[in-house]
Amino acid sequence: MSFQDDAAGMPAGSERHERPERNAAPAAPATSRPTRTAALWVAVAVGLVVLVMLIVFFVQNQDMITVRFFGLEGTLALGTTLFIAAVGGGVLVALAGGARILQLRIANHRRRKTVGGPEGGYQL
């Protein structure tokens, strides 16, 4: 048995693996990146779970309550009332986020205009 076989822990006479050529392409990684389709599938699955939870929420909260808002009064199911309130809060958050994005875009446009713009000058 040679020193190299002993150092590798291989018994004498066993086959060795060939070394790859220097210019050979590296082996592909064992893991692959998720695709957009896989991400979409996960999003749809999560959305379905949320919808099922909403249905259960509505079914369990069928008690009728009186709702008063700016002088108006009506009777509505508790689950529906809470859902409308949650959607209203989401709309307010979306409006505030949209206003902030618009503010940032305008500021970015002004900054690019003063720095030089696409025709020339310094580009960031």
N, C-alpha and C. Protein backbone atom coordinates (compact mmCIF):
# COMPACT_ATOMS: atom_id res chain seq x y z
N MET A 1 0.85 -1.15 0.00
CA MET A 1 0.00 0.00 0.00
C MET A 1 0.90 1.23 0.00
N SER A 2 0.51 2.22 -0.84
CA SER A 2 1.32 3.43 -0.94
C SER A 2 0.91 4.43 0.14
N PHE A 3 1.74 5.45 0.31
CA PHE A 3 1.47 6.49 1.29
C PHE A 3 0.17 7.24 0.96
N GLN A 4 -0.08 7.49 -0.33
CA GLN A 4 -1.28 8.22 -0.73
C GLN A 4 -2.54 7.40 -0.43
N ASP A 5 -2.52 6.10 -0.67
CA ASP A 5 -3.67 5.26 -0.35
C ASP A 5 -3.92 5.23 1.15
N ASP A 6 -2.83 5.14 1.94
CA ASP A 6 -2.96 5.11 3.38
C ASP A 6 -3.51 6.42 3.90
N ALA A 7 -3.05 7.55 3.35
CA ALA A 7 -3.51 8.86 3.80
C ALA A 7 -4.98 9.07 3.46
N ALA A 8 -5.44 8.52 2.36
CA ALA A 8 -6.83 8.66 1.97
C ALA A 8 -7.72 7.67 2.67
N GLY A 9 -7.14 6.74 3.43
CA GLY A 9 -7.94 5.75 4.13
C GLY A 9 -8.50 4.70 3.20
N MET A 10 -7.85 4.49 2.07
CA MET A 10 -8.33 3.53 1.10
C MET A 10 -7.43 2.31 1.13
N PRO A 11 -8.00 1.13 1.08
CA PRO A 11 -7.16 -0.06 1.03
C PRO A 11 -6.42 -0.13 -0.30
N ALA A 12 -5.30 -0.81 -0.28
CA ALA A 12 -4.49 -0.94 -1.50
C ALA A 12 -5.28 -1.67 -2.57
N GLY A 13 -5.13 -1.23 -3.79
CA GLY A 13 -5.77 -1.89 -4.91
C GLY A 13 -7.18 -1.40 -5.18
N SER A 14 -7.73 -0.57 -4.32
CA SER A 14 -9.09 -0.08 -4.60
C SER A 14 -9.01 1.02 -5.66
N GLU A 15 -10.09 1.18 -6.37
CA GLU A 15 -10.10 2.16 -7.45
C GLU A 15 -10.20 3.56 -6.89
N ARG A 16 -9.48 4.48 -7.51
CA ARG A 16 -9.53 5.88 -7.12
C ARG A 16 -10.38 6.63 -8.14
N HIS A 17 -10.98 7.69 -7.65
CA HIS A 17 -11.74 8.53 -8.56
C HIS A 17 -10.77 9.42 -9.31
N GLU A 18 -11.05 9.61 -10.59
CA GLU A 18 -10.22 10.48 -11.41
C GLU A 18 -10.43 11.93 -11.00
N ARG A 19 -9.38 12.71 -11.05
CA ARG A 19 -9.47 14.14 -10.78
C ARG A 19 -10.11 14.81 -11.99
N PRO A 20 -10.99 15.78 -11.77
CA PRO A 20 -11.58 16.47 -12.92
C PRO A 20 -10.54 17.32 -13.63
N GLU A 21 -10.78 17.51 -14.92
CA GLU A 21 -9.86 18.33 -15.70
C GLU A 21 -9.93 19.76 -15.20
N ARG A 22 -8.84 20.50 -15.44
CA ARG A 22 -8.78 21.87 -14.95
C ARG A 22 -9.79 22.77 -15.64
N ASN A 23 -10.08 22.54 -16.89
CA ASN A 23 -10.99 23.40 -17.64
C ASN A 23 -12.43 22.90 -17.63
N ALA A 24 -12.69 21.85 -16.87
CA ALA A 24 -14.03 21.28 -16.83
C ALA A 24 -14.96 22.23 -16.07
N ALA A 25 -16.21 22.27 -16.48
CA ALA A 25 -17.20 23.14 -15.81
C ALA A 25 -17.46 22.60 -14.41
N PRO A 26 -17.68 23.48 -13.45
CA PRO A 26 -17.96 23.02 -12.10
C PRO A 26 -19.29 22.28 -12.05
N ALA A 27 -19.40 21.38 -11.11
CA ALA A 27 -20.62 20.60 -10.97
C ALA A 27 -21.76 21.52 -10.53
N ALA A 28 -22.96 21.20 -10.97
CA ALA A 28 -24.13 22.00 -10.61
C ALA A 28 -24.40 21.84 -9.12
N PRO A 29 -24.85 22.91 -8.47
CA PRO A 29 -25.14 22.80 -7.04
C PRO A 29 -26.28 21.82 -6.79
N ALA A 30 -26.26 21.21 -5.62
CA ALA A 30 -27.26 20.20 -5.30
C ALA A 30 -28.63 20.82 -5.07
N THR A 31 -28.67 22.07 -4.64
CA THR A 31 -29.96 22.72 -4.42
C THR A 31 -30.28 23.64 -5.58
N SER A 32 -31.57 23.78 -5.87
CA SER A 32 -31.99 24.68 -6.94
C SER A 32 -32.80 25.82 -6.35
N ARG A 33 -32.81 26.94 -7.03
CA ARG A 33 -33.55 28.10 -6.57
C ARG A 33 -35.03 27.92 -6.90
N PRO A 34 -35.91 28.43 -6.02
CA PRO A 34 -37.34 28.32 -6.33
C PRO A 34 -37.72 29.19 -7.52
N THR A 35 -38.67 28.73 -8.28
CA THR A 35 -39.10 29.45 -9.47
C THR A 35 -40.26 30.38 -9.13
N ARG A 36 -40.61 31.24 -10.06
CA ARG A 36 -41.76 32.13 -9.87
C ARG A 36 -43.05 31.32 -9.77
N THR A 37 -43.13 30.25 -10.53
CA THR A 37 -44.31 29.41 -10.48
C THR A 37 -44.47 28.78 -9.11
N ALA A 38 -43.37 28.34 -8.52
CA ALA A 38 -43.43 27.76 -7.18
C ALA A 38 -43.86 28.81 -6.16
N ALA A 39 -43.36 30.02 -6.29
CA ALA A 39 -43.76 31.10 -5.37
C ALA A 39 -45.24 31.42 -5.54
N LEU A 40 -45.71 31.43 -6.78
CA LEU A 40 -47.13 31.68 -7.04
C LEU A 40 -47.98 30.57 -6.42
N TRP A 41 -47.55 29.34 -6.55
CA TRP A 41 -48.29 28.22 -5.99
C TRP A 41 -48.38 28.34 -4.48
N VAL A 42 -47.30 28.71 -3.83
CA VAL A 42 -47.30 28.89 -2.38
C VAL A 42 -48.24 30.03 -2.00
N ALA A 43 -48.21 31.13 -2.76
CA ALA A 43 -49.09 32.26 -2.47
C ALA A 43 -50.56 31.87 -2.61
N VAL A 44 -50.89 31.09 -3.63
CA VAL A 44 -52.27 30.63 -3.81
C VAL A 44 -52.67 29.72 -2.66
N ALA A 45 -51.80 28.83 -2.23
CA ALA A 45 -52.11 27.93 -1.12
C ALA A 45 -52.34 28.72 0.17
N VAL A 46 -51.50 29.70 0.43
CA VAL A 46 -51.67 30.53 1.63
C VAL A 46 -52.98 31.32 1.53
N GLY A 47 -53.27 31.84 0.35
CA GLY A 47 -54.53 32.57 0.15
C GLY A 47 -55.75 31.71 0.40
N LEU A 48 -55.71 30.46 -0.04
CA LEU A 48 -56.82 29.55 0.20
C LEU A 48 -56.99 29.26 1.69
N VAL A 49 -55.91 29.10 2.40
CA VAL A 49 -55.98 28.87 3.85
C VAL A 49 -56.62 30.09 4.54
N VAL A 50 -56.21 31.29 4.13
CA VAL A 50 -56.78 32.51 4.71
C VAL A 50 -58.28 32.60 4.41
N LEU A 51 -58.68 32.25 3.19
CA LEU A 51 -60.10 32.28 2.84
C LEU A 51 -60.91 31.29 3.66
N VAL A 52 -60.38 30.11 3.88
CA VAL A 52 -61.07 29.13 4.71
C VAL A 52 -61.21 29.66 6.14
N MET A 53 -60.16 30.29 6.65
CA MET A 53 -60.23 30.87 7.99
C MET A 53 -61.28 31.99 8.05
N LEU A 54 -61.41 32.79 7.00
CA LEU A 54 -62.44 33.83 6.96
C LEU A 54 -63.84 33.23 6.96
N ILE A 55 -64.03 32.17 6.21
CA ILE A 55 -65.33 31.51 6.18
C ILE A 55 -65.69 30.99 7.57
N VAL A 56 -64.74 30.37 8.24
CA VAL A 56 -64.98 29.88 9.60
C VAL A 56 -65.30 31.05 10.52
N PHE A 57 -64.59 32.16 10.36
CA PHE A 57 -64.83 33.35 11.17
C PHE A 57 -66.26 33.85 10.98
N PHE A 58 -66.72 33.94 9.72
CA PHE A 58 -68.08 34.42 9.45
C PHE A 58 -69.13 33.47 10.03
N VAL A 59 -68.91 32.18 9.88
CA VAL A 59 -69.88 31.20 10.36
C VAL A 59 -69.98 31.24 11.89
N GLN A 60 -68.87 31.44 12.58
CA GLN A 60 -68.88 31.43 14.04
C GLN A 60 -69.35 32.75 14.63
N ASN A 61 -69.41 33.81 13.86
CA ASN A 61 -69.79 35.13 14.37
C ASN A 61 -71.03 35.65 13.65
N GLN A 62 -72.14 34.92 13.78
CA GLN A 62 -73.39 35.29 13.13
C GLN A 62 -74.32 36.10 14.02
N ASP A 63 -73.90 36.44 15.23
CA ASP A 63 -74.74 37.22 16.12
C ASP A 63 -75.04 38.58 15.48
N MET A 64 -76.28 38.99 15.52
CA MET A 64 -76.67 40.28 14.95
C MET A 64 -76.41 41.38 15.98
N ILE A 65 -75.77 42.47 15.52
CA ILE A 65 -75.48 43.60 16.40
C ILE A 65 -75.98 44.87 15.74
N THR A 66 -76.18 45.89 16.56
CA THR A 66 -76.60 47.20 16.05
C THR A 66 -75.35 48.04 15.84
N VAL A 67 -75.22 48.59 14.66
CA VAL A 67 -74.06 49.41 14.30
C VAL A 67 -74.53 50.85 14.11
N ARG A 68 -73.84 51.78 14.75
CA ARG A 68 -74.13 53.20 14.60
C ARG A 68 -72.88 53.88 14.04
N PHE A 69 -73.08 54.68 12.96
CA PHE A 69 -71.94 55.36 12.33
C PHE A 69 -72.42 56.67 11.74
N PHE A 70 -71.94 57.80 12.29
CA PHE A 70 -72.29 59.14 11.83
C PHE A 70 -73.80 59.34 11.73
N GLY A 71 -74.50 58.94 12.74
CA GLY A 71 -75.94 59.14 12.76
C GLY A 71 -76.74 58.05 12.07
N LEU A 72 -76.08 57.18 11.34
CA LEU A 72 -76.77 56.06 10.69
C LEU A 72 -76.82 54.89 11.66
N GLU A 73 -77.84 54.09 11.56
CA GLU A 73 -77.98 52.94 12.45
C GLU A 73 -78.50 51.76 11.65
N GLY A 74 -77.94 50.60 11.90
CA GLY A 74 -78.39 49.40 11.20
C GLY A 74 -78.00 48.16 11.96
N THR A 75 -78.53 47.04 11.52
CA THR A 75 -78.24 45.75 12.14
C THR A 75 -77.43 44.92 11.14
N LEU A 76 -76.36 44.34 11.65
CA LEU A 76 -75.45 43.58 10.79
C LEU A 76 -74.85 42.44 11.60
N ALA A 77 -74.44 41.39 10.93
CA ALA A 77 -73.77 40.28 11.62
C ALA A 77 -72.42 40.74 12.14
N LEU A 78 -72.03 40.24 13.30
CA LEU A 78 -70.77 40.64 13.93
C LEU A 78 -69.57 40.36 13.03
N GLY A 79 -69.52 39.17 12.44
CA GLY A 79 -68.39 38.81 11.57
C GLY A 79 -68.27 39.75 10.38
N THR A 80 -69.40 40.07 9.77
CA THR A 80 -69.40 40.99 8.63
C THR A 80 -68.95 42.38 9.05
N THR A 81 -69.41 42.83 10.21
CA THR A 81 -69.03 44.15 10.71
C THR A 81 -67.52 44.24 10.94
N LEU A 82 -66.97 43.23 11.59
CA LEU A 82 -65.53 43.24 11.85
C LEU A 82 -64.72 43.14 10.55
N PHE A 83 -65.22 42.38 9.58
CA PHE A 83 -64.54 42.26 8.29
C PHE A 83 -64.53 43.60 7.56
N ILE A 84 -65.67 44.31 7.59
CA ILE A 84 -65.74 45.62 6.94
C ILE A 84 -64.76 46.59 7.61
N ALA A 85 -64.68 46.54 8.94
CA ALA A 85 -63.74 47.41 9.66
C ALA A 85 -62.30 47.09 9.28
N ALA A 86 -61.97 45.80 9.16
CA ALA A 86 -60.60 45.41 8.80
C ALA A 86 -60.26 45.85 7.38
N VAL A 87 -61.19 45.70 6.45
CA VAL A 87 -60.96 46.13 5.07
C VAL A 87 -60.80 47.64 5.01
N GLY A 88 -61.61 48.37 5.78
CA GLY A 88 -61.47 49.82 5.84
C GLY A 88 -60.11 50.24 6.35
N GLY A 89 -59.60 49.56 7.39
CA GLY A 89 -58.25 49.84 7.89
C GLY A 89 -57.19 49.55 6.85
N GLY A 90 -57.36 48.44 6.12
CA GLY A 90 -56.41 48.10 5.05
C GLY A 90 -56.39 49.14 3.94
N VAL A 91 -57.56 49.68 3.61
CA VAL A 91 -57.64 50.72 2.57
C VAL A 91 -56.91 51.98 3.04
N LEU A 92 -57.08 52.33 4.32
CA LEU A 92 -56.37 53.50 4.84
C LEU A 92 -54.86 53.31 4.80
N VAL A 93 -54.39 52.14 5.16
CA VAL A 93 -52.95 51.85 5.11
C VAL A 93 -52.44 51.90 3.67
N ALA A 94 -53.23 51.34 2.73
CA ALA A 94 -52.83 51.35 1.32
C ALA A 94 -52.76 52.79 0.79
N LEU A 95 -53.71 53.63 1.18
CA LEU A 95 -53.68 55.03 0.74
C LEU A 95 -52.46 55.76 1.30
N ALA A 96 -52.16 55.53 2.57
CA ALA A 96 -50.99 56.18 3.16
C ALA A 96 -49.70 55.68 2.50
N GLY A 97 -49.61 54.39 2.22
CA GLY A 97 -48.43 53.85 1.54
C GLY A 97 -48.30 54.37 0.13
N GLY A 98 -49.42 54.46 -0.58
CA GLY A 98 -49.39 55.01 -1.94
C GLY A 98 -48.96 56.46 -1.97
N ALA A 99 -49.43 57.24 -0.98
CA ALA A 99 -49.03 58.64 -0.91
C ALA A 99 -47.53 58.76 -0.64
N ARG A 100 -46.99 57.90 0.21
CA ARG A 100 -45.55 57.93 0.50
C ARG A 100 -44.73 57.52 -0.72
N ILE A 101 -45.17 56.53 -1.44
CA ILE A 101 -44.45 56.10 -2.66
C ILE A 101 -44.46 57.23 -3.69
N LEU A 102 -45.62 57.88 -3.84
CA LEU A 102 -45.71 59.01 -4.77
C LEU A 102 -44.77 60.13 -4.33
N GLN A 103 -44.70 60.42 -3.05
CA GLN A 103 -43.81 61.45 -2.53
C GLN A 103 -42.35 61.10 -2.84
N LEU A 104 -41.96 59.84 -2.64
CA LEU A 104 -40.58 59.42 -2.91
C LEU A 104 -40.25 59.49 -4.40
N ARG A 105 -41.20 59.12 -5.25
CA ARG A 105 -40.96 59.19 -6.70
C ARG A 105 -40.77 60.64 -7.16
N ILE A 106 -41.59 61.54 -6.63
CA ILE A 106 -41.45 62.95 -7.01
C ILE A 106 -40.09 63.48 -6.55
N ALA A 107 -39.69 63.15 -5.32
CA ALA A 107 -38.39 63.59 -4.81
C ALA A 107 -37.26 63.01 -5.65
N ASN A 108 -37.36 61.75 -6.05
CA ASN A 108 -36.34 61.12 -6.88
C ASN A 108 -36.28 61.79 -8.26
N HIS A 109 -37.44 62.11 -8.81
CA HIS A 109 -37.48 62.77 -10.12
C HIS A 109 -36.80 64.14 -10.04
N ARG A 110 -37.10 64.90 -8.99
CA ARG A 110 -36.47 66.22 -8.82
C ARG A 110 -34.97 66.10 -8.63
N ARG A 111 -34.54 65.10 -7.87
CA ARG A 111 -33.11 64.91 -7.63
C ARG A 111 -32.39 64.56 -8.93
N ARG A 112 -32.97 63.69 -9.73
CA ARG A 112 -32.35 63.33 -11.01
C ARG A 112 -32.30 64.53 -11.96
N LYS A 113 -33.33 65.35 -11.91
CA LYS A 113 -33.38 66.52 -12.79
C LYS A 113 -32.28 67.51 -12.43
N THR A 114 -32.02 67.72 -11.14
CA THR A 114 -30.99 68.66 -10.73
C THR A 114 -29.59 68.09 -10.89
N VAL A 115 -29.43 66.79 -10.83
CA VAL A 115 -28.11 66.17 -10.94
C VAL A 115 -27.66 66.09 -12.38
N GLY A 116 -28.56 65.96 -13.33
CA GLY A 116 -28.11 65.93 -14.72
C GLY A 116 -29.07 65.21 -15.64
N GLY A 117 -29.82 64.28 -15.15
CA GLY A 117 -30.80 63.58 -15.97
C GLY A 117 -30.18 62.59 -16.92
N PRO A 118 -31.00 61.97 -17.76
CA PRO A 118 -30.51 60.93 -18.66
C PRO A 118 -29.68 61.44 -19.84
N GLU A 119 -29.80 62.73 -20.19
CA GLU A 119 -29.06 63.23 -21.35
C GLU A 119 -27.58 63.40 -21.07
N GLY A 120 -27.23 63.66 -19.89
CA GLY A 120 -25.83 63.89 -19.57
C GLY A 120 -25.66 64.18 -18.11
N GLY A 121 -24.47 64.45 -17.72
CA GLY A 121 -24.23 64.75 -16.32
C GLY A 121 -24.03 63.49 -15.51
N TYR A 122 -24.07 63.67 -14.24
CA TYR A 122 -23.79 62.58 -13.30
C TYR A 122 -25.03 61.72 -13.12
N GLN A 123 -24.90 60.42 -13.30
CA GLN A 123 -25.99 59.46 -13.09
C GLN A 123 -25.75 58.70 -11.81
N LEU A 124 -26.78 58.52 -11.02
CA LEU A 124 -26.66 57.72 -9.80
C LEU A 124 -27.03 56.31 -10.06
